[in-house]
Amino acid sequence: MKRNLVIALVCLFVSMMLFSSCVDNDEKYLEVGLPISTTIGTLNDAGDGRLYIDSDLGNTLYVKNSEMLSSTGFEAGQRIYAEFPAPMVNKTPFVGEVELLYAYAVKVKDVVALTDANREEIGDDPIDVYSIWNSKNYLNVQFHFLTNGPDPHYINLVTVDGSQNVNGYVYLEFRHNANGNKPLKDYLGIVSFDISEYMEDPAVKGFMIRVNAPDKEQVFMVPLANSEPEKVARGLGDASLVE
């Protein structure tokens, strides 16, 4: 009897460990048991002690747990990527309160021209791109590289003199400088580039973005219309490790 009880307890413990491992590794934010929504937008002050996200897709998301953002250095005016339980309201645009599960400070950069003077600093080290999408006046890129820190990596979107646009798609290059960091640890991040000047040009239909991926050179065709990412990987890294 005791032997059977011990075996049963051991089996239960192993099962719990396996289940816990699956939750942690696969979907660490799905423990609430609800579908998860994501957004990217600008953080603003609601004036009543709360912050709200003005999302690129036109939603207004009042942050119920604003203290989570304030205590981790977020401020009004910052660009933010956030995850939260999906509101049980099928309404667009959505205006309401959400409780954030995760937030990431998104760095905003301008598109710059590649020149002889900045070519070495801009670099062209290999980098993985998980998704590229347009929203509002921004082109957003989720990327992955390997690093050992602590020196930041440089991430840029550049125009290249002499490159040819194709059928209204502007040719740009997504560039990465690893700054000599050794490829030891995974880093995931999101960066947004201000593309407002392109939005004002009726001849521009989208972007043709060249990326020096680890295995081969890739070209992403990104329409100008607002869109959402095909996939967003979890576990984004420290935003200060990217410039």
C-alpha atoms as a PDB file:
ATOM      1  CA  MET A   1       0.000   0.000   0.000  1.00  0.00           C
ATOM      2  CA  LYS A   2       2.767   2.405   0.997  1.00  0.00           C
ATOM      3  CA  ARG A   3       4.745   1.454  -2.099  1.00  0.00           C
ATOM      4  CA  ASN A   4       1.768   2.256  -4.351  1.00  0.00           C
ATOM      5  CA  LEU A   5       1.257   5.585  -2.589  1.00  0.00           C
ATOM      6  CA  VAL A   6       4.911   6.537  -3.051  1.00  0.00           C
ATOM      7  CA  ILE A   7       4.768   5.629  -6.745  1.00  0.00           C
ATOM      8  CA  ALA A   8       1.589   7.680  -7.178  1.00  0.00           C
ATOM      9  CA  LEU A   9       3.137  10.717  -5.477  1.00  0.00           C
ATOM     10  CA  VAL A  10       6.287  10.459  -7.589  1.00  0.00           C
ATOM     11  CA  CYS A  11       4.206  10.272 -10.775  1.00  0.00           C
ATOM     12  CA  LEU A  12       2.155  13.282  -9.681  1.00  0.00           C
ATOM     13  CA  PHE A  13       5.305  15.295  -8.941  1.00  0.00           C
ATOM     14  CA  VAL A  14       6.847  14.441 -12.319  1.00  0.00           C
ATOM     15  CA  SER A  15       3.616  15.367 -14.095  1.00  0.00           C
ATOM     16  CA  MET A  16       3.493  18.718 -12.318  1.00  0.00           C
ATOM     17  CA  MET A  17       7.106  19.450 -13.236  1.00  0.00           C
ATOM     18  CA  LEU A  18       6.488  18.596 -16.882  1.00  0.00           C
ATOM     19  CA  PHE A  19       3.351  20.732 -16.997  1.00  0.00           C
ATOM     20  CA  SER A  20       5.138  23.652 -15.331  1.00  0.00           C
ATOM     21  CA  SER A  21       7.999  23.351 -17.809  1.00  0.00           C
ATOM     22  CA  CYS A  22       5.595  23.451 -20.752  1.00  0.00           C
ATOM     23  CA  VAL A  23       3.895  26.586 -19.441  1.00  0.00           C
ATOM     24  CA  ASP A  24       7.187  28.374 -18.779  1.00  0.00           C
ATOM     25  CA  ASN A  25       8.784  27.488 -22.094  1.00  0.00           C
ATOM     26  CA  ASP A  26       5.841  27.788 -24.447  1.00  0.00           C
ATOM     27  CA  GLU A  27       3.476  30.535 -23.354  1.00  0.00           C
ATOM     28  CA  LYS A  28       4.574  32.071 -20.084  1.00  0.00           C
ATOM     29  CA  TYR A  29       1.961  34.812 -20.371  1.00  0.00           C
ATOM     30  CA  LEU A  30      -1.011  32.531 -21.056  1.00  0.00           C
ATOM     31  CA  GLU A  31      -1.389  31.428 -17.432  1.00  0.00           C
ATOM     32  CA  VAL A  32      -4.416  33.729 -17.132  1.00  0.00           C
ATOM     33  CA  GLY A  33      -6.303  31.314 -19.397  1.00  0.00           C
ATOM     34  CA  LEU A  34      -7.393  34.019 -21.834  1.00  0.00           C
ATOM     35  CA  PRO A  35      -6.393  34.866 -25.405  1.00  0.00           C
ATOM     36  CA  ILE A  36      -3.560  37.385 -25.478  1.00  0.00           C
ATOM     37  CA  SER A  37      -3.690  40.617 -27.494  1.00  0.00           C
ATOM     38  CA  THR A  38      -0.660  42.673 -28.466  1.00  0.00           C
ATOM     39  CA  THR A  39      -0.324  46.313 -29.397  1.00  0.00           C
ATOM     40  CA  ILE A  40       2.282  48.860 -30.373  1.00  0.00           C
ATOM     41  CA  GLY A  41       1.760  52.577 -29.972  1.00  0.00           C
ATOM     42  CA  THR A  42       2.520  55.694 -27.947  1.00  0.00           C
ATOM     43  CA  LEU A  43       2.229  55.903 -24.174  1.00  0.00           C
ATOM     44  CA  ASN A  44       0.314  58.956 -22.897  1.00  0.00           C
ATOM     45  CA  ASP A  45      -0.697  60.455 -19.552  1.00  0.00           C
ATOM     46  CA  ALA A  46      -4.449  60.242 -18.888  1.00  0.00           C
ATOM     47  CA  GLY A  47      -4.186  62.932 -16.201  1.00  0.00           C
ATOM     48  CA  ASP A  48      -5.796  60.849 -13.460  1.00  0.00           C
ATOM     49  CA  GLY A  49      -2.775  58.859 -12.377  1.00  0.00           C
ATOM     50  CA  ARG A  50      -3.199  56.401 -15.216  1.00  0.00           C
ATOM     51  CA  LEU A  51      -1.309  55.976 -18.456  1.00  0.00           C
ATOM     52  CA  TYR A  52      -2.914  54.961 -21.728  1.00  0.00           C
ATOM     53  CA  ILE A  53      -1.651  53.573 -25.012  1.00  0.00           C
ATOM     54  CA  ASP A  54      -2.662  55.317 -28.222  1.00  0.00           C
ATOM     55  CA  SER A  55      -2.237  52.286 -30.468  1.00  0.00           C
ATOM     56  CA  ASP A  56      -1.158  52.589 -34.092  1.00  0.00           C
ATOM     57  CA  LEU A  57      -4.379  50.835 -35.140  1.00  0.00           C
ATOM     58  CA  GLY A  58      -6.588  53.471 -33.505  1.00  0.00           C
ATOM     59  CA  ASN A  59      -7.383  51.825 -30.162  1.00  0.00           C
ATOM     60  CA  THR A  60      -7.210  53.678 -26.836  1.00  0.00           C
ATOM     61  CA  LEU A  61      -6.030  51.353 -24.066  1.00  0.00           C
ATOM     62  CA  TYR A  62      -6.152  52.697 -20.505  1.00  0.00           C
ATOM     63  CA  VAL A  63      -3.590  50.802 -18.430  1.00  0.00           C
ATOM     64  CA  LYS A  64      -5.202  49.475 -15.262  1.00  0.00           C
ATOM     65  CA  ASN A  65      -1.842  48.636 -13.690  1.00  0.00           C
ATOM     66  CA  SER A  66      -0.060  51.862 -14.689  1.00  0.00           C
ATOM     67  CA  GLU A  67       2.221  51.554 -11.651  1.00  0.00           C
ATOM     68  CA  MET A  68       3.900  48.601 -13.383  1.00  0.00           C
ATOM     69  CA  LEU A  69       5.039  50.956 -16.134  1.00  0.00           C
ATOM     70  CA  SER A  70       5.964  53.878 -13.874  1.00  0.00           C
ATOM     71  CA  SER A  71       8.044  51.674 -11.575  1.00  0.00           C
ATOM     72  CA  THR A  72      10.075  50.302 -14.488  1.00  0.00           C
ATOM     73  CA  GLY A  73      10.952  53.674 -16.036  1.00  0.00           C
ATOM     74  CA  PHE A  74       8.255  54.093 -18.686  1.00  0.00           C
ATOM     75  CA  GLU A  75       7.165  57.684 -19.339  1.00  0.00           C
ATOM     76  CA  ALA A  76       4.490  59.442 -21.370  1.00  0.00           C
ATOM     77  CA  GLY A  77       5.626  60.026 -24.940  1.00  0.00           C
ATOM     78  CA  GLN A  78       7.499  56.729 -25.242  1.00  0.00           C
ATOM     79  CA  ARG A  79       6.752  54.157 -27.891  1.00  0.00           C
ATOM     80  CA  ILE A  80       5.664  50.862 -26.366  1.00  0.00           C
ATOM     81  CA  TYR A  81       4.913  47.262 -27.297  1.00  0.00           C
ATOM     82  CA  ALA A  82       2.547  45.569 -24.834  1.00  0.00           C
ATOM     83  CA  GLU A  83       0.690  42.308 -24.209  1.00  0.00           C
ATOM     84  CA  PHE A  84      -2.585  41.923 -22.301  1.00  0.00           C
ATOM     85  CA  PRO A  85      -5.589  39.581 -22.009  1.00  0.00           C
ATOM     86  CA  ALA A  86      -7.783  40.149 -25.050  1.00  0.00           C
ATOM     87  CA  PRO A  87     -10.759  42.409 -24.233  1.00  0.00           C
ATOM     88  CA  MET A  88     -14.049  40.524 -24.447  1.00  0.00           C
ATOM     89  CA  VAL A  89     -15.421  43.206 -26.771  1.00  0.00           C
ATOM     90  CA  ASN A  90     -15.603  42.863 -30.526  1.00  0.00           C
ATOM     91  CA  LYS A  91     -15.483  46.559 -31.314  1.00  0.00           C
ATOM     92  CA  THR A  92     -13.138  48.652 -33.453  1.00  0.00           C
ATOM     93  CA  PRO A  93     -11.763  51.071 -32.499  1.00  0.00           C
ATOM     94  CA  PHE A  94     -11.639  49.777 -28.939  1.00  0.00           C
ATOM     95  CA  VAL A  95     -11.634  52.243 -26.044  1.00  0.00           C
ATOM     96  CA  GLY A  96     -11.320  50.669 -22.624  1.00  0.00           C
ATOM     97  CA  GLU A  97      -9.197  49.476 -19.742  1.00  0.00           C
ATOM     98  CA  VAL A  98      -6.651  46.658 -19.971  1.00  0.00           C
ATOM     99  CA  GLU A  99      -4.213  45.083 -17.526  1.00  0.00           C
ATOM    100  CA  LEU A 100      -0.771  44.685 -19.043  1.00  0.00           C
ATOM    101  CA  LEU A 101       1.102  41.418 -18.707  1.00  0.00           C
ATOM    102  CA  TYR A 102       4.250  42.602 -20.429  1.00  0.00           C
ATOM    103  CA  ALA A 103       5.691  45.841 -21.830  1.00  0.00           C
ATOM    104  CA  TYR A 104       8.770  46.666 -23.914  1.00  0.00           C
ATOM    105  CA  ALA A 105      10.204  50.124 -24.618  1.00  0.00           C
ATOM    106  CA  VAL A 106      10.505  50.414 -28.400  1.00  0.00           C
ATOM    107  CA  LYS A 107      13.352  52.550 -29.693  1.00  0.00           C
ATOM    108  CA  VAL A 108      12.399  55.003 -32.468  1.00  0.00           C
ATOM    109  CA  LYS A 109      14.945  55.906 -35.137  1.00  0.00           C
ATOM    110  CA  ASP A 110      15.062  57.881 -38.373  1.00  0.00           C
ATOM    111  CA  VAL A 111      15.931  56.377 -41.735  1.00  0.00           C
ATOM    112  CA  VAL A 112      19.491  57.512 -42.521  1.00  0.00           C
ATOM    113  CA  ALA A 113      21.581  57.695 -45.681  1.00  0.00           C
ATOM    114  CA  LEU A 114      24.481  55.252 -45.977  1.00  0.00           C
ATOM    115  CA  THR A 115      27.668  57.215 -46.724  1.00  0.00           C
ATOM    116  CA  ASP A 116      31.400  56.584 -46.814  1.00  0.00           C
ATOM    117  CA  ALA A 117      31.661  58.455 -43.511  1.00  0.00           C
ATOM    118  CA  ASN A 118      29.203  56.248 -41.586  1.00  0.00           C
ATOM    119  CA  ARG A 119      29.549  52.951 -43.470  1.00  0.00           C
ATOM    120  CA  GLU A 120      31.851  51.311 -40.903  1.00  0.00           C
ATOM    121  CA  GLU A 121      29.749  52.425 -37.930  1.00  0.00           C
ATOM    122  CA  ILE A 122      26.493  51.303 -39.606  1.00  0.00           C
ATOM    123  CA  GLY A 123      28.019  47.877 -40.327  1.00  0.00           C
ATOM    124  CA  ASP A 124      26.423  44.910 -42.065  1.00  0.00           C
ATOM    125  CA  ASP A 125      26.720  42.037 -39.601  1.00  0.00           C
ATOM    126  CA  PRO A 126      24.256  39.132 -39.958  1.00  0.00           C
ATOM    127  CA  ILE A 127      20.867  39.502 -38.282  1.00  0.00           C
ATOM    128  CA  ASP A 128      17.578  37.583 -38.301  1.00  0.00           C
ATOM    129  CA  VAL A 129      14.323  39.415 -39.008  1.00  0.00           C
ATOM    130  CA  TYR A 130      11.177  37.754 -37.636  1.00  0.00           C
ATOM    131  CA  SER A 131       8.653  40.285 -38.919  1.00  0.00           C
ATOM    132  CA  ILE A 132       8.384  43.703 -40.570  1.00  0.00           C
ATOM    133  CA  TRP A 133       5.170  45.688 -40.635  1.00  0.00           C
ATOM    134  CA  ASN A 134       3.897  49.237 -41.126  1.00  0.00           C
ATOM    135  CA  SER A 135       1.641  50.950 -38.622  1.00  0.00           C
ATOM    136  CA  LYS A 136       0.724  54.611 -38.595  1.00  0.00           C
ATOM    137  CA  ASN A 137       3.936  56.509 -39.481  1.00  0.00           C
ATOM    138  CA  TYR A 138       6.310  53.742 -38.464  1.00  0.00           C
ATOM    139  CA  LEU A 139       7.995  50.757 -40.009  1.00  0.00           C
ATOM    140  CA  ASN A 140       8.458  48.191 -37.235  1.00  0.00           C
ATOM    141  CA  VAL A 141      11.033  45.406 -37.246  1.00  0.00           C
ATOM    142  CA  GLN A 142      11.323  42.498 -34.850  1.00  0.00           C
ATOM    143  CA  PHE A 143      14.837  41.099 -35.005  1.00  0.00           C
ATOM    144  CA  HIS A 144      17.143  38.527 -33.416  1.00  0.00           C
ATOM    145  CA  PHE A 145      20.890  38.358 -32.991  1.00  0.00           C
ATOM    146  CA  LEU A 146      23.453  36.672 -30.741  1.00  0.00           C
ATOM    147  CA  THR A 147      25.523  38.665 -28.261  1.00  0.00           C
ATOM    148  CA  ASN A 148      27.558  38.486 -25.081  1.00  0.00           C
ATOM    149  CA  GLY A 149      27.138  42.189 -24.156  1.00  0.00           C
ATOM    150  CA  PRO A 150      27.605  44.622 -22.600  1.00  0.00           C
ATOM    151  CA  ASP A 151      28.340  46.883 -25.578  1.00  0.00           C
ATOM    152  CA  PRO A 152      25.166  47.819 -27.473  1.00  0.00           C
ATOM    153  CA  HIS A 153      24.571  46.700 -31.033  1.00  0.00           C
ATOM    154  CA  TYR A 154      23.750  49.313 -33.688  1.00  0.00           C
ATOM    155  CA  ILE A 155      20.534  48.858 -35.659  1.00  0.00           C
ATOM    156  CA  ASN A 156      19.713  51.102 -38.619  1.00  0.00           C
ATOM    157  CA  LEU A 157      17.506  51.401 -41.678  1.00  0.00           C
ATOM    158  CA  VAL A 158      19.411  53.080 -44.498  1.00  0.00           C
ATOM    159  CA  THR A 159      18.975  54.457 -47.974  1.00  0.00           C
ATOM    160  CA  VAL A 160      21.697  53.440 -50.435  1.00  0.00           C
ATOM    161  CA  ASP A 161      22.911  55.856 -53.094  1.00  0.00           C
ATOM    162  CA  GLY A 162      22.327  54.512 -56.593  1.00  0.00           C
ATOM    163  CA  SER A 163      19.770  51.884 -55.572  1.00  0.00           C
ATOM    164  CA  GLN A 164      16.681  51.448 -57.722  1.00  0.00           C
ATOM    165  CA  ASN A 165      13.085  51.600 -56.524  1.00  0.00           C
ATOM    166  CA  VAL A 166      10.803  48.991 -58.114  1.00  0.00           C
ATOM    167  CA  ASN A 167       7.135  49.648 -58.954  1.00  0.00           C
ATOM    168  CA  GLY A 168       6.755  52.232 -56.214  1.00  0.00           C
ATOM    169  CA  TYR A 169       8.610  50.155 -53.596  1.00  0.00           C
ATOM    170  CA  VAL A 170      11.464  52.123 -52.017  1.00  0.00           C
ATOM    171  CA  TYR A 171      14.721  50.188 -51.643  1.00  0.00           C
ATOM    172  CA  LEU A 172      16.138  50.276 -48.095  1.00  0.00           C
ATOM    173  CA  GLU A 173      18.601  48.148 -46.143  1.00  0.00           C
ATOM    174  CA  PHE A 174      18.234  46.965 -42.534  1.00  0.00           C
ATOM    175  CA  ARG A 175      21.763  47.125 -41.120  1.00  0.00           C
ATOM    176  CA  HIS A 176      23.364  45.687 -37.965  1.00  0.00           C
ATOM    177  CA  ASN A 177      26.700  46.358 -36.287  1.00  0.00           C
ATOM    178  CA  ALA A 178      27.518  43.805 -33.554  1.00  0.00           C
ATOM    179  CA  ASN A 179      30.333  46.027 -32.222  1.00  0.00           C
ATOM    180  CA  GLY A 180      32.582  43.014 -31.791  1.00  0.00           C
ATOM    181  CA  ASN A 181      30.281  41.227 -29.333  1.00  0.00           C
ATOM    182  CA  LYS A 182      30.664  37.460 -29.380  1.00  0.00           C
ATOM    183  CA  PRO A 183      27.621  35.443 -30.554  1.00  0.00           C
ATOM    184  CA  LEU A 184      26.800  33.627 -27.309  1.00  0.00           C
ATOM    185  CA  LYS A 185      23.300  34.599 -26.097  1.00  0.00           C
ATOM    186  CA  ASP A 186      20.017  35.182 -27.904  1.00  0.00           C
ATOM    187  CA  TYR A 187      18.626  38.703 -28.073  1.00  0.00           C
ATOM    188  CA  LEU A 188      15.171  39.608 -29.378  1.00  0.00           C
ATOM    189  CA  GLY A 189      14.077  43.187 -29.926  1.00  0.00           C
ATOM    190  CA  ILE A 190      11.708  45.533 -31.729  1.00  0.00           C
ATOM    191  CA  VAL A 191      12.673  48.846 -33.309  1.00  0.00           C
ATOM    192  CA  SER A 192      10.483  51.417 -35.081  1.00  0.00           C
ATOM    193  CA  PHE A 193      11.610  53.710 -37.880  1.00  0.00           C
ATOM    194  CA  ASP A 194       9.891  57.012 -38.644  1.00  0.00           C
ATOM    195  CA  ILE A 195       8.632  56.789 -42.244  1.00  0.00           C
ATOM    196  CA  SER A 196       6.359  59.854 -42.182  1.00  0.00           C
ATOM    197  CA  GLU A 197       8.189  61.488 -45.103  1.00  0.00           C
ATOM    198  CA  TYR A 198       7.462  58.461 -47.293  1.00  0.00           C
ATOM    199  CA  MET A 199       3.799  58.446 -46.254  1.00  0.00           C
ATOM    200  CA  GLU A 200       3.422  61.907 -47.786  1.00  0.00           C
ATOM    201  CA  ASP A 201       4.651  60.763 -51.215  1.00  0.00           C
ATOM    202  CA  PRO A 202       1.761  59.415 -53.352  1.00  0.00           C
ATOM    203  CA  ALA A 203       4.246  57.554 -55.567  1.00  0.00           C
ATOM    204  CA  VAL A 204       5.394  55.324 -52.690  1.00  0.00           C
ATOM    205  CA  LYS A 205       3.529  52.009 -52.461  1.00  0.00           C
ATOM    206  CA  GLY A 206       5.793  50.255 -49.982  1.00  0.00           C
ATOM    207  CA  PHE A 207       9.325  49.218 -49.129  1.00  0.00           C
ATOM    208  CA  MET A 208      11.762  46.664 -50.471  1.00  0.00           C
ATOM    209  CA  ILE A 209      14.059  45.925 -47.535  1.00  0.00           C
ATOM    210  CA  ARG A 210      17.294  44.015 -47.902  1.00  0.00           C
ATOM    211  CA  VAL A 211      18.559  42.095 -44.839  1.00  0.00           C
ATOM    212  CA  ASN A 212      21.880  40.304 -44.390  1.00  0.00           C
ATOM    213  CA  ALA A 213      20.510  37.189 -42.665  1.00  0.00           C
ATOM    214  CA  PRO A 214      22.924  34.630 -41.146  1.00  0.00           C
ATOM    215  CA  ASP A 215      22.354  32.050 -43.889  1.00  0.00           C
ATOM    216  CA  LYS A 216      21.542  34.191 -46.910  1.00  0.00           C
ATOM    217  CA  GLU A 217      20.576  37.653 -48.061  1.00  0.00           C
ATOM    218  CA  GLN A 218      16.835  38.301 -47.837  1.00  0.00           C
ATOM    219  CA  VAL A 219      14.497  40.910 -49.327  1.00  0.00           C
ATOM    220  CA  PHE A 220      11.196  41.780 -47.627  1.00  0.00           C
ATOM    221  CA  MET A 221       8.411  43.449 -49.612  1.00  0.00           C
ATOM    222  CA  VAL A 222       6.364  45.565 -47.181  1.00  0.00           C
ATOM    223  CA  PRO A 223       3.222  47.366 -48.439  1.00  0.00           C
ATOM    224  CA  LEU A 224       2.646  50.899 -47.187  1.00  0.00           C
ATOM    225  CA  ALA A 225      -0.799  50.091 -45.769  1.00  0.00           C
ATOM    226  CA  ASN A 226      -1.194  49.622 -42.011  1.00  0.00           C
ATOM    227  CA  SER A 227      -0.796  46.016 -40.965  1.00  0.00           C
ATOM    228  CA  GLU A 228      -0.061  43.768 -37.999  1.00  0.00           C
ATOM    229  CA  PRO A 229       2.940  41.457 -37.585  1.00  0.00           C
ATOM    230  CA  GLU A 230       2.578  37.885 -38.792  1.00  0.00           C
ATOM    231  CA  LYS A 231       4.236  36.699 -35.595  1.00  0.00           C
ATOM    232  CA  VAL A 232       5.790  38.251 -32.520  1.00  0.00           C
ATOM    233  CA  ALA A 233       8.287  36.158 -30.557  1.00  0.00           C
ATOM    234  CA  ARG A 234       8.202  36.346 -26.779  1.00  0.00           C
ATOM    235  CA  GLY A 235      11.075  37.127 -24.444  1.00  0.00           C
ATOM    236  CA  LEU A 236      12.235  40.519 -25.737  1.00  0.00           C
ATOM    237  CA  GLY A 237      15.578  41.649 -24.345  1.00  0.00           C
ATOM    238  CA  ASP A 238      16.847  44.774 -22.588  1.00  0.00           C
ATOM    239  CA  ALA A 239      16.143  47.702 -24.935  1.00  0.00           C
ATOM    240  CA  SER A 240      19.317  49.491 -23.779  1.00  0.00           C
ATOM    241  CA  LEU A 241      21.423  46.903 -25.626  1.00  0.00           C
ATOM    242  CA  VAL A 242      20.364  48.398 -28.961  1.00  0.00           C
ATOM    243  CA  GLU A 243      21.218  51.803 -30.417  1.00  0.00           C
END
